[in-house]
Amino acid sequence: MALLRAWPRRFDSVEVELPEGARVADALDAAGWSALEGIAGYAIHGRRATPASPLRDGDRLELLRGLALDPKEARRRRAEARPLKKPRR
């Protein structure tokens, strides 16, 4: 199975062999990623998972990081930075 984590300007991927019935926490331990800071959650093939979620052969476990900025706040800041346009007539 593959474990993935992506950060700005950095990407890590590790392949691990796990016994049948392994869970997300087991995969993290096998990869040496059990004590990570900045992890907001986990996903298996893009679907939310918990440390107790079971894994199957061929799964891809993704470590999710928190948002640096709320999407609404980012949009508001971009809008404020743009000059106002004249309305069309």
PDB file of N, CA and C in Angstrom:
ATOM      1  N   MET A   1       0.830  -1.174   0.000  1.00  0.00           N
ATOM      2  CA  MET A   1       0.000   0.000   0.000  1.00  0.00           C
ATOM      3  C   MET A   1       0.873   1.234   0.000  1.00  0.00           C
ATOM      4  N   ALA A   2       0.325   2.313  -0.486  1.00  0.00           N
ATOM      5  CA  ALA A   2       1.073   3.566  -0.597  1.00  0.00           C
ATOM      6  C   ALA A   2       0.557   4.575   0.421  1.00  0.00           C
ATOM      7  N   LEU A   3       1.471   5.280   1.058  1.00  0.00           N
ATOM      8  CA  LEU A   3       1.135   6.389   1.941  1.00  0.00           C
ATOM      9  C   LEU A   3       1.661   7.656   1.285  1.00  0.00           C
ATOM     10  N   LEU A   4       0.829   8.687   1.249  1.00  0.00           N
ATOM     11  CA  LEU A   4       1.194   9.945   0.599  1.00  0.00           C
ATOM     12  C   LEU A   4       0.978  11.114   1.547  1.00  0.00           C
ATOM     13  N   ARG A   5       1.876  12.069   1.468  1.00  0.00           N
ATOM     14  CA  ARG A   5       1.652  13.353   2.143  1.00  0.00           C
ATOM     15  C   ARG A   5       2.237  14.433   1.254  1.00  0.00           C
ATOM     16  N   ALA A   6       1.502  15.503   1.118  1.00  0.00           N
ATOM     17  CA  ALA A   6       1.923  16.602   0.249  1.00  0.00           C
ATOM     18  C   ALA A   6       1.911  17.899   1.047  1.00  0.00           C
ATOM     19  N   TRP A   7       2.979  18.644   0.933  1.00  0.00           N
ATOM     20  CA  TRP A   7       3.124  19.942   1.571  1.00  0.00           C
ATOM     21  C   TRP A   7       3.486  20.935   0.475  1.00  0.00           C
ATOM     22  N   PRO A   8       3.405  22.208   0.749  1.00  0.00           N
ATOM     23  CA  PRO A   8       3.846  23.167  -0.269  1.00  0.00           C
ATOM     24  C   PRO A   8       5.307  22.898  -0.660  1.00  0.00           C
ATOM     25  N   ARG A   9       5.543  22.709  -1.937  1.00  0.00           N
ATOM     26  CA  ARG A   9       6.875  22.471  -2.497  1.00  0.00           C
ATOM     27  C   ARG A   9       7.540  21.179  -2.016  1.00  0.00           C
ATOM     28  N   ARG A  10       6.753  20.231  -1.492  1.00  0.00           N
ATOM     29  CA  ARG A  10       7.322  18.958  -1.045  1.00  0.00           C
ATOM     30  C   ARG A  10       6.272  17.857  -1.127  1.00  0.00           C
ATOM     31  N   PHE A  11       6.697  16.660  -1.499  1.00  0.00           N
ATOM     32  CA  PHE A  11       5.798  15.523  -1.631  1.00  0.00           C
ATOM     33  C   PHE A  11       6.534  14.283  -1.139  1.00  0.00           C
ATOM     34  N   ASP A  12       5.917  13.515  -0.255  1.00  0.00           N
ATOM     35  CA  ASP A  12       6.522  12.282   0.245  1.00  0.00           C
ATOM     36  C   ASP A  12       5.603  11.114  -0.056  1.00  0.00           C
ATOM     37  N   SER A  13       6.195   9.999  -0.439  1.00  0.00           N
ATOM     38  CA  SER A  13       5.438   8.783  -0.713  1.00  0.00           C
ATOM     39  C   SER A  13       6.227   7.596  -0.185  1.00  0.00           C
ATOM     40  N   VAL A  14       5.535   6.679   0.485  1.00  0.00           N
ATOM     41  CA  VAL A  14       6.171   5.496   1.046  1.00  0.00           C
ATOM     42  C   VAL A  14       5.309   4.286   0.722  1.00  0.00           C
ATOM     43  N   GLU A  15       5.944   3.202   0.313  1.00  0.00           N
ATOM     44  CA  GLU A  15       5.245   1.928   0.094  1.00  0.00           C
ATOM     45  C   GLU A  15       5.514   1.042   1.309  1.00  0.00           C
ATOM     46  N   VAL A  16       4.452   0.456   1.886  1.00  0.00           N
ATOM     47  CA  VAL A  16       4.611  -0.446   3.030  1.00  0.00           C
ATOM     48  C   VAL A  16       3.827  -1.730   2.785  1.00  0.00           C
ATOM     49  N   GLU A  17       4.313  -2.808   3.365  1.00  0.00           N
ATOM     50  CA  GLU A  17       3.614  -4.096   3.340  1.00  0.00           C
ATOM     51  C   GLU A  17       2.949  -4.268   4.699  1.00  0.00           C
ATOM     52  N   LEU A  18       1.662  -4.578   4.688  1.00  0.00           N
ATOM     53  CA  LEU A  18       0.912  -4.744   5.930  1.00  0.00           C
ATOM     54  C   LEU A  18       0.153  -6.061   5.911  1.00  0.00           C
ATOM     55  N   PRO A  19      -0.081  -6.641   7.089  1.00  0.00           N
ATOM     56  CA  PRO A  19      -0.875  -7.866   7.132  1.00  0.00           C
ATOM     57  C   PRO A  19      -2.348  -7.563   6.868  1.00  0.00           C
ATOM     58  N   GLU A  20      -3.093  -8.583   6.496  1.00  0.00           N
ATOM     59  CA  GLU A  20      -4.528  -8.414   6.276  1.00  0.00           C
ATOM     60  C   GLU A  20      -5.176  -7.969   7.585  1.00  0.00           C
ATOM     61  N   GLY A  21      -6.138  -7.075   7.489  1.00  0.00           N
ATOM     62  CA  GLY A  21      -6.819  -6.561   8.673  1.00  0.00           C
ATOM     63  C   GLY A  21      -6.137  -5.351   9.285  1.00  0.00           C
ATOM     64  N   ALA A  22      -5.094  -4.841   8.647  1.00  0.00           N
ATOM     65  CA  ALA A  22      -4.380  -3.671   9.165  1.00  0.00           C
ATOM     66  C   ALA A  22      -5.266  -2.435   9.081  1.00  0.00           C
ATOM     67  N   ARG A  23      -4.999  -1.500   9.937  1.00  0.00           N
ATOM     68  CA  ARG A  23      -5.757  -0.253  10.008  1.00  0.00           C
ATOM     69  C   ARG A  23      -4.834   0.921   9.667  1.00  0.00           C
ATOM     70  N   VAL A  24      -5.433   2.102   9.536  1.00  0.00           N
ATOM     71  CA  VAL A  24      -4.678   3.315   9.195  1.00  0.00           C
ATOM     72  C   VAL A  24      -3.535   3.532  10.187  1.00  0.00           C
ATOM     73  N   ALA A  25      -3.806   3.382  11.483  1.00  0.00           N
ATOM     74  CA  ALA A  25      -2.770   3.586  12.501  1.00  0.00           C
ATOM     75  C   ALA A  25      -1.600   2.625  12.299  1.00  0.00           C
ATOM     76  N   ASP A  26      -1.880   1.387  11.883  1.00  0.00           N
ATOM     77  CA  ASP A  26      -0.817   0.411  11.629  1.00  0.00           C
ATOM     78  C   ASP A  26       0.065   0.867  10.464  1.00  0.00           C
ATOM     79  N   ALA A  27      -0.548   1.397   9.426  1.00  0.00           N
ATOM     80  CA  ALA A  27       0.203   1.880   8.263  1.00  0.00           C
ATOM     81  C   ALA A  27       1.093   3.059   8.646  1.00  0.00           C
ATOM     82  N   LEU A  28       0.573   3.952   9.470  1.00  0.00           N
ATOM     83  CA  LEU A  28       1.367   5.102   9.912  1.00  0.00           C
ATOM     84  C   LEU A  28       2.576   4.643  10.718  1.00  0.00           C
ATOM     85  N   ASP A  29       2.371   3.670  11.609  1.00  0.00           N
ATOM     86  CA  ASP A  29       3.485   3.133  12.400  1.00  0.00           C
ATOM     87  C   ASP A  29       4.526   2.478  11.494  1.00  0.00           C
ATOM     88  N   ALA A  30       4.066   1.690  10.517  1.00  0.00           N
ATOM     89  CA  ALA A  30       4.978   0.989   9.606  1.00  0.00           C
ATOM     90  C   ALA A  30       5.817   1.968   8.786  1.00  0.00           C
ATOM     91  N   ALA A  31       5.242   3.122   8.462  1.00  0.00           N
ATOM     92  CA  ALA A  31       5.954   4.127   7.671  1.00  0.00           C
ATOM     93  C   ALA A  31       6.802   5.052   8.540  1.00  0.00           C
ATOM     94  N   GLY A  32       6.622   4.963   9.862  1.00  0.00           N
ATOM     95  CA  GLY A  32       7.340   5.864  10.763  1.00  0.00           C
ATOM     96  C   GLY A  32       6.730   7.250  10.811  1.00  0.00           C
ATOM     97  N   TRP A  33       5.471   7.345  10.441  1.00  0.00           N
ATOM     98  CA  TRP A  33       4.777   8.635  10.408  1.00  0.00           C
ATOM     99  C   TRP A  33       3.729   8.757  11.513  1.00  0.00           C
ATOM    100  N   SER A  34       3.886   8.064  12.617  1.00  0.00           N
ATOM    101  CA  SER A  34       2.841   8.048  13.635  1.00  0.00           C
ATOM    102  C   SER A  34       2.751   9.341  14.444  1.00  0.00           C
ATOM    103  N   ALA A  35       3.822  10.106  14.552  1.00  0.00           N
ATOM    104  CA  ALA A  35       3.803  11.333  15.353  1.00  0.00           C
ATOM    105  C   ALA A  35       4.040  12.543  14.456  1.00  0.00           C
ATOM    106  N   LEU A  36       3.066  12.850  13.620  1.00  0.00           N
ATOM    107  CA  LEU A  36       3.203  13.969  12.687  1.00  0.00           C
ATOM    108  C   LEU A  36       2.419  15.180  13.168  1.00  0.00           C
ATOM    109  N   GLU A  37       3.025  16.340  13.029  1.00  0.00           N
ATOM    110  CA  GLU A  37       2.330  17.583  13.358  1.00  0.00           C
ATOM    111  C   GLU A  37       1.706  18.152  12.095  1.00  0.00           C
ATOM    112  N   GLY A  38       0.625  18.875  12.250  1.00  0.00           N
ATOM    113  CA  GLY A  38      -0.001  19.545  11.121  1.00  0.00           C
ATOM    114  C   GLY A  38      -0.922  18.671  10.296  1.00  0.00           C
ATOM    115  N   ILE A  39      -1.209  17.463  10.770  1.00  0.00           N
ATOM    116  CA  ILE A  39      -2.108  16.576  10.036  1.00  0.00           C
ATOM    117  C   ILE A  39      -3.537  16.858  10.491  1.00  0.00           C
ATOM    118  N   ALA A  40      -4.401  17.177   9.539  1.00  0.00           N
ATOM    119  CA  ALA A  40      -5.799  17.481   9.853  1.00  0.00           C
ATOM    120  C   ALA A  40      -6.679  16.243   9.772  1.00  0.00           C
ATOM    121  N   GLY A  41      -6.212  15.216   9.065  1.00  0.00           N
ATOM    122  CA  GLY A  41      -7.010  14.003   8.927  1.00  0.00           C
ATOM    123  C   GLY A  41      -6.372  13.045   7.946  1.00  0.00           C
ATOM    124  N   TYR A  42      -7.138  12.011   7.618  1.00  0.00           N
ATOM    125  CA  TYR A  42      -6.661  10.958   6.724  1.00  0.00           C
ATOM    126  C   TYR A  42      -7.725  10.663   5.685  1.00  0.00           C
ATOM    127  N   ALA A  43      -7.293  10.147   4.538  1.00  0.00           N
ATOM    128  CA  ALA A  43      -8.227   9.734   3.491  1.00  0.00           C
ATOM    129  C   ALA A  43      -7.670   8.481   2.826  1.00  0.00           C
ATOM    130  N   ILE A  44      -8.588   7.603   2.421  1.00  0.00           N
ATOM    131  CA  ILE A  44      -8.230   6.417   1.650  1.00  0.00           C
ATOM    132  C   ILE A  44      -8.836   6.615   0.275  1.00  0.00           C
ATOM    133  N   HIS A  45      -7.993   6.771  -0.730  1.00  0.00           N
ATOM    134  CA  HIS A  45      -8.442   7.083  -2.100  1.00  0.00           C
ATOM    135  C   HIS A  45      -9.387   8.290  -2.106  1.00  0.00           C
ATOM    136  N   GLY A  46      -9.063   9.320  -1.324  1.00  0.00           N
ATOM    137  CA  GLY A  46      -9.837  10.552  -1.323  1.00  0.00           C
ATOM    138  C   GLY A  46     -11.066  10.554  -0.433  1.00  0.00           C
ATOM    139  N   ARG A  47     -11.348   9.449   0.245  1.00  0.00           N
ATOM    140  CA  ARG A  47     -12.506   9.392   1.157  1.00  0.00           C
ATOM    141  C   ARG A  47     -12.011   9.440   2.596  1.00  0.00           C
ATOM    142  N   ARG A  48     -12.675  10.266   3.395  1.00  0.00           N
ATOM    143  CA  ARG A  48     -12.285  10.495   4.785  1.00  0.00           C
ATOM    144  C   ARG A  48     -12.116   9.173   5.531  1.00  0.00           C
ATOM    145  N   ALA A  49     -11.087   9.095   6.376  1.00  0.00           N
ATOM    146  CA  ALA A  49     -10.815   7.904   7.175  1.00  0.00           C
ATOM    147  C   ALA A  49     -10.372   8.325   8.573  1.00  0.00           C
ATOM    148  N   THR A  50     -10.382   7.376   9.493  1.00  0.00           N
ATOM    149  CA  THR A  50      -9.908   7.593  10.861  1.00  0.00           C
ATOM    150  C   THR A  50      -8.735   6.645  11.107  1.00  0.00           C
ATOM    151  N   PRO A  51      -7.998   6.826  12.204  1.00  0.00           N
ATOM    152  CA  PRO A  51      -6.909   5.889  12.491  1.00  0.00           C
ATOM    153  C   PRO A  51      -7.384   4.438  12.635  1.00  0.00           C
ATOM    154  N   ALA A  52      -8.658   4.231  12.954  1.00  0.00           N
ATOM    155  CA  ALA A  52      -9.195   2.877  13.120  1.00  0.00           C
ATOM    156  C   ALA A  52      -9.775   2.305  11.830  1.00  0.00           C
ATOM    157  N   SER A  53      -9.772   3.067  10.745  1.00  0.00           N
ATOM    158  CA  SER A  53     -10.341   2.587   9.475  1.00  0.00           C
ATOM    159  C   SER A  53      -9.520   1.419   8.936  1.00  0.00           C
ATOM    160  N   PRO A  54     -10.208   0.363   8.466  1.00  0.00           N
ATOM    161  CA  PRO A  54      -9.484  -0.785   7.910  1.00  0.00           C
ATOM    162  C   PRO A  54      -8.917  -0.476   6.526  1.00  0.00           C
ATOM    163  N   LEU A  55      -7.827  -1.147   6.196  1.00  0.00           N
ATOM    164  CA  LEU A  55      -7.177  -0.982   4.894  1.00  0.00           C
ATOM    165  C   LEU A  55      -7.265  -2.281   4.107  1.00  0.00           C
ATOM    166  N   ARG A  56      -7.287  -2.138   2.791  1.00  0.00           N
ATOM    167  CA  ARG A  56      -7.286  -3.304   1.899  1.00  0.00           C
ATOM    168  C   ARG A  56      -6.068  -3.230   0.989  1.00  0.00           C
ATOM    169  N   ASP A  57      -5.748  -4.343   0.385  1.00  0.00           N
ATOM    170  CA  ASP A  57      -4.623  -4.395  -0.541  1.00  0.00           C
ATOM    171  C   ASP A  57      -4.843  -3.394  -1.676  1.00  0.00           C
ATOM    172  N   GLY A  58      -3.829  -2.608  -1.978  1.00  0.00           N
ATOM    173  CA  GLY A  58      -3.921  -1.634  -3.061  1.00  0.00           C
ATOM    174  C   GLY A  58      -4.440  -0.272  -2.644  1.00  0.00           C
ATOM    175  N   ASP A  59      -4.788  -0.093  -1.362  1.00  0.00           N
ATOM    176  CA  ASP A  59      -5.275   1.211  -0.905  1.00  0.00           C
ATOM    177  C   ASP A  59      -4.164   2.253  -0.962  1.00  0.00           C
ATOM    178  N   ARG A  60      -4.587   3.510  -1.107  1.00  0.00           N
ATOM    179  CA  ARG A  60      -3.674   4.654  -1.054  1.00  0.00           C
ATOM    180  C   ARG A  60      -4.124   5.506   0.126  1.00  0.00           C
ATOM    181  N   LEU A  61      -3.291   5.620   1.139  1.00  0.00           N
ATOM    182  CA  LEU A  61      -3.603   6.408   2.328  1.00  0.00           C
ATOM    183  C   LEU A  61      -2.998   7.790   2.168  1.00  0.00           C
ATOM    184  N   GLU A  62      -3.843   8.812   2.278  1.00  0.00           N
ATOM    185  CA  GLU A  62      -3.391  10.195   2.124  1.00  0.00           C
ATOM    186  C   GLU A  62      -3.464  10.903   3.467  1.00  0.00           C
ATOM    187  N   LEU A  63      -2.415  11.602   3.821  1.00  0.00           N
ATOM    188  CA  LEU A  63      -2.397  12.411   5.032  1.00  0.00           C
ATOM    189  C   LEU A  63      -2.800  13.819   4.640  1.00  0.00           C
ATOM    190  N   LEU A  64      -3.842  14.316   5.274  1.00  0.00           N
ATOM    191  CA  LEU A  64      -4.412  15.613   4.905  1.00  0.00           C
ATOM    192  C   LEU A  64      -3.915  16.693   5.854  1.00  0.00           C
ATOM    193  N   ARG A  65      -3.528  17.803   5.292  1.00  0.00           N
ATOM    194  CA  ARG A  65      -3.099  18.928   6.127  1.00  0.00           C
ATOM    195  C   ARG A  65      -4.224  19.950   6.212  1.00  0.00           C
ATOM    196  N   GLY A  66      -4.172  20.778   7.224  1.00  0.00           N
ATOM    197  CA  GLY A  66      -5.180  21.815   7.390  1.00  0.00           C
ATOM    198  C   GLY A  66      -5.021  22.911   6.356  1.00  0.00           C
ATOM    199  N   LEU A  67      -6.077  23.665   6.168  1.00  0.00           N
ATOM    200  CA  LEU A  67      -6.035  24.782   5.229  1.00  0.00           C
ATOM    201  C   LEU A  67      -5.205  25.920   5.812  1.00  0.00           C
ATOM    202  N   ALA A  68      -4.385  26.523   5.005  1.00  0.00           N
ATOM    203  CA  ALA A  68      -3.590  27.668   5.449  1.00  0.00           C
ATOM    204  C   ALA A  68      -4.481  28.889   5.639  1.00  0.00           C
ATOM    205  N   LEU A  69      -5.549  28.967   4.844  1.00  0.00           N
ATOM    206  CA  LEU A  69      -6.458  30.103   4.889  1.00  0.00           C
ATOM    207  C   LEU A  69      -7.844  29.631   4.485  1.00  0.00           C
ATOM    208  N   ASP A  70      -8.846  30.080   5.196  1.00  0.00           N
ATOM    209  CA  ASP A  70     -10.224  29.742   4.874  1.00  0.00           C
ATOM    210  C   ASP A  70     -10.534  30.194   3.441  1.00  0.00           C
ATOM    211  N   PRO A  71     -11.164  29.351   2.613  1.00  0.00           N
ATOM    212  CA  PRO A  71     -11.441  29.726   1.217  1.00  0.00           C
ATOM    213  C   PRO A  71     -12.243  31.023   1.076  1.00  0.00           C
ATOM    214  N   LYS A  72     -13.194  31.266   1.967  1.00  0.00           N
ATOM    215  CA  LYS A  72     -13.969  32.517   1.891  1.00  0.00           C
ATOM    216  C   LYS A  72     -13.077  33.728   2.152  1.00  0.00           C
ATOM    217  N   GLU A  73     -12.184  33.586   3.130  1.00  0.00           N
ATOM    218  CA  GLU A  73     -11.270  34.679   3.451  1.00  0.00           C
ATOM    219  C   GLU A  73     -10.301  34.930   2.294  1.00  0.00           C
ATOM    220  N   ALA A  74      -9.806  33.883   1.662  1.00  0.00           N
ATOM    221  CA  ALA A  74      -8.898  34.034   0.522  1.00  0.00           C
ATOM    222  C   ALA A  74      -9.591  34.765  -0.622  1.00  0.00           C
ATOM    223  N   ARG A  75     -10.829  34.409  -0.904  1.00  0.00           N
ATOM    224  CA  ARG A  75     -11.584  35.071  -1.979  1.00  0.00           C
ATOM    225  C   ARG A  75     -11.809  36.548  -1.651  1.00  0.00           C
ATOM    226  N   ARG A  76     -12.150  36.830  -0.395  1.00  0.00           N
ATOM    227  CA  ARG A  76     -12.377  38.218   0.022  1.00  0.00           C
ATOM    228  C   ARG A  76     -11.099  39.038  -0.157  1.00  0.00           C
ATOM    229  N   ARG A  77      -9.970  38.483   0.224  1.00  0.00           N
ATOM    230  CA  ARG A  77      -8.695  39.203   0.090  1.00  0.00           C
ATOM    231  C   ARG A  77      -8.342  39.455  -1.376  1.00  0.00           C
ATOM    232  N   ARG A  78      -8.595  38.462  -2.233  1.00  0.00           N
ATOM    233  CA  ARG A  78      -8.326  38.661  -3.667  1.00  0.00           C
ATOM    234  C   ARG A  78      -9.222  39.752  -4.228  1.00  0.00           C
ATOM    235  N   ALA A  79     -10.485  39.765  -3.820  1.00  0.00           N
ATOM    236  CA  ALA A  79     -11.420  40.777  -4.314  1.00  0.00           C
ATOM    237  C   ALA A  79     -11.001  42.176  -3.855  1.00  0.00           C
ATOM    238  N   GLU A  80     -10.536  42.293  -2.625  1.00  0.00           N
ATOM    239  CA  GLU A  80     -10.100  43.594  -2.111  1.00  0.00           C
ATOM    240  C   GLU A  80      -8.846  44.090  -2.830  1.00  0.00           C
ATOM    241  N   ALA A  81      -8.004  43.194  -3.269  1.00  0.00           N
ATOM    242  CA  ALA A  81      -6.752  43.577  -3.919  1.00  0.00           C
ATOM    243  C   ALA A  81      -6.954  44.019  -5.366  1.00  0.00           C
ATOM    244  N   ARG A  82      -8.070  43.613  -5.987  1.00  0.00           N
ATOM    245  CA  ARG A  82      -8.339  43.991  -7.384  1.00  0.00           C
ATOM    246  C   ARG A  82      -8.950  45.388  -7.448  1.00  0.00           C
ATOM    247  N   PRO A  83      -8.570  46.160  -8.450  1.00  0.00           N
ATOM    248  CA  PRO A  83      -9.213  47.470  -8.615  1.00  0.00           C
ATOM    249  C   PRO A  83     -10.662  47.288  -9.082  1.00  0.00           C
ATOM    250  N   LEU A  84     -11.498  48.232  -8.711  1.00  0.00           N
ATOM    251  CA  LEU A  84     -12.902  48.177  -9.129  1.00  0.00           C
ATOM    252  C   LEU A  84     -13.015  48.490 -10.615  1.00  0.00           C
ATOM    253  N   LYS A  85     -13.872  47.753 -11.285  1.00  0.00           N
ATOM    254  CA  LYS A  85     -14.107  47.982 -12.709  1.00  0.00           C
ATOM    255  C   LYS A  85     -15.367  48.814 -12.871  1.00  0.00           C
ATOM    256  N   LYS A  86     -15.400  49.591 -13.948  1.00  0.00           N
ATOM    257  CA  LYS A  86     -16.605  50.359 -14.245  1.00  0.00           C
ATOM    258  C   LYS A  86     -17.683  49.401 -14.730  1.00  0.00           C
ATOM    259  N   PRO A  87     -18.914  49.618 -14.317  1.00  0.00           N
ATOM    260  CA  PRO A  87     -19.990  48.729 -14.783  1.00  0.00           C
ATOM    261  C   PRO A  87     -20.245  48.914 -16.276  1.00  0.00           C
ATOM    262  N   ARG A  88     -20.656  47.838 -16.933  1.00  0.00           N
ATOM    263  CA  ARG A  88     -20.990  47.909 -18.360  1.00  0.00           C
ATOM    264  C   ARG A  88     -22.327  48.602 -18.537  1.00  0.00           C
ATOM    265  N   ARG A  89     -22.472  49.281 -19.663  1.00  0.00           N
ATOM    266  CA  ARG A  89     -23.763  49.934 -19.958  1.00  0.00           C
ATOM    267  C   ARG A  89     -24.384  49.339 -21.157  1.00  0.00           C
TER     268      ARG A  89
END
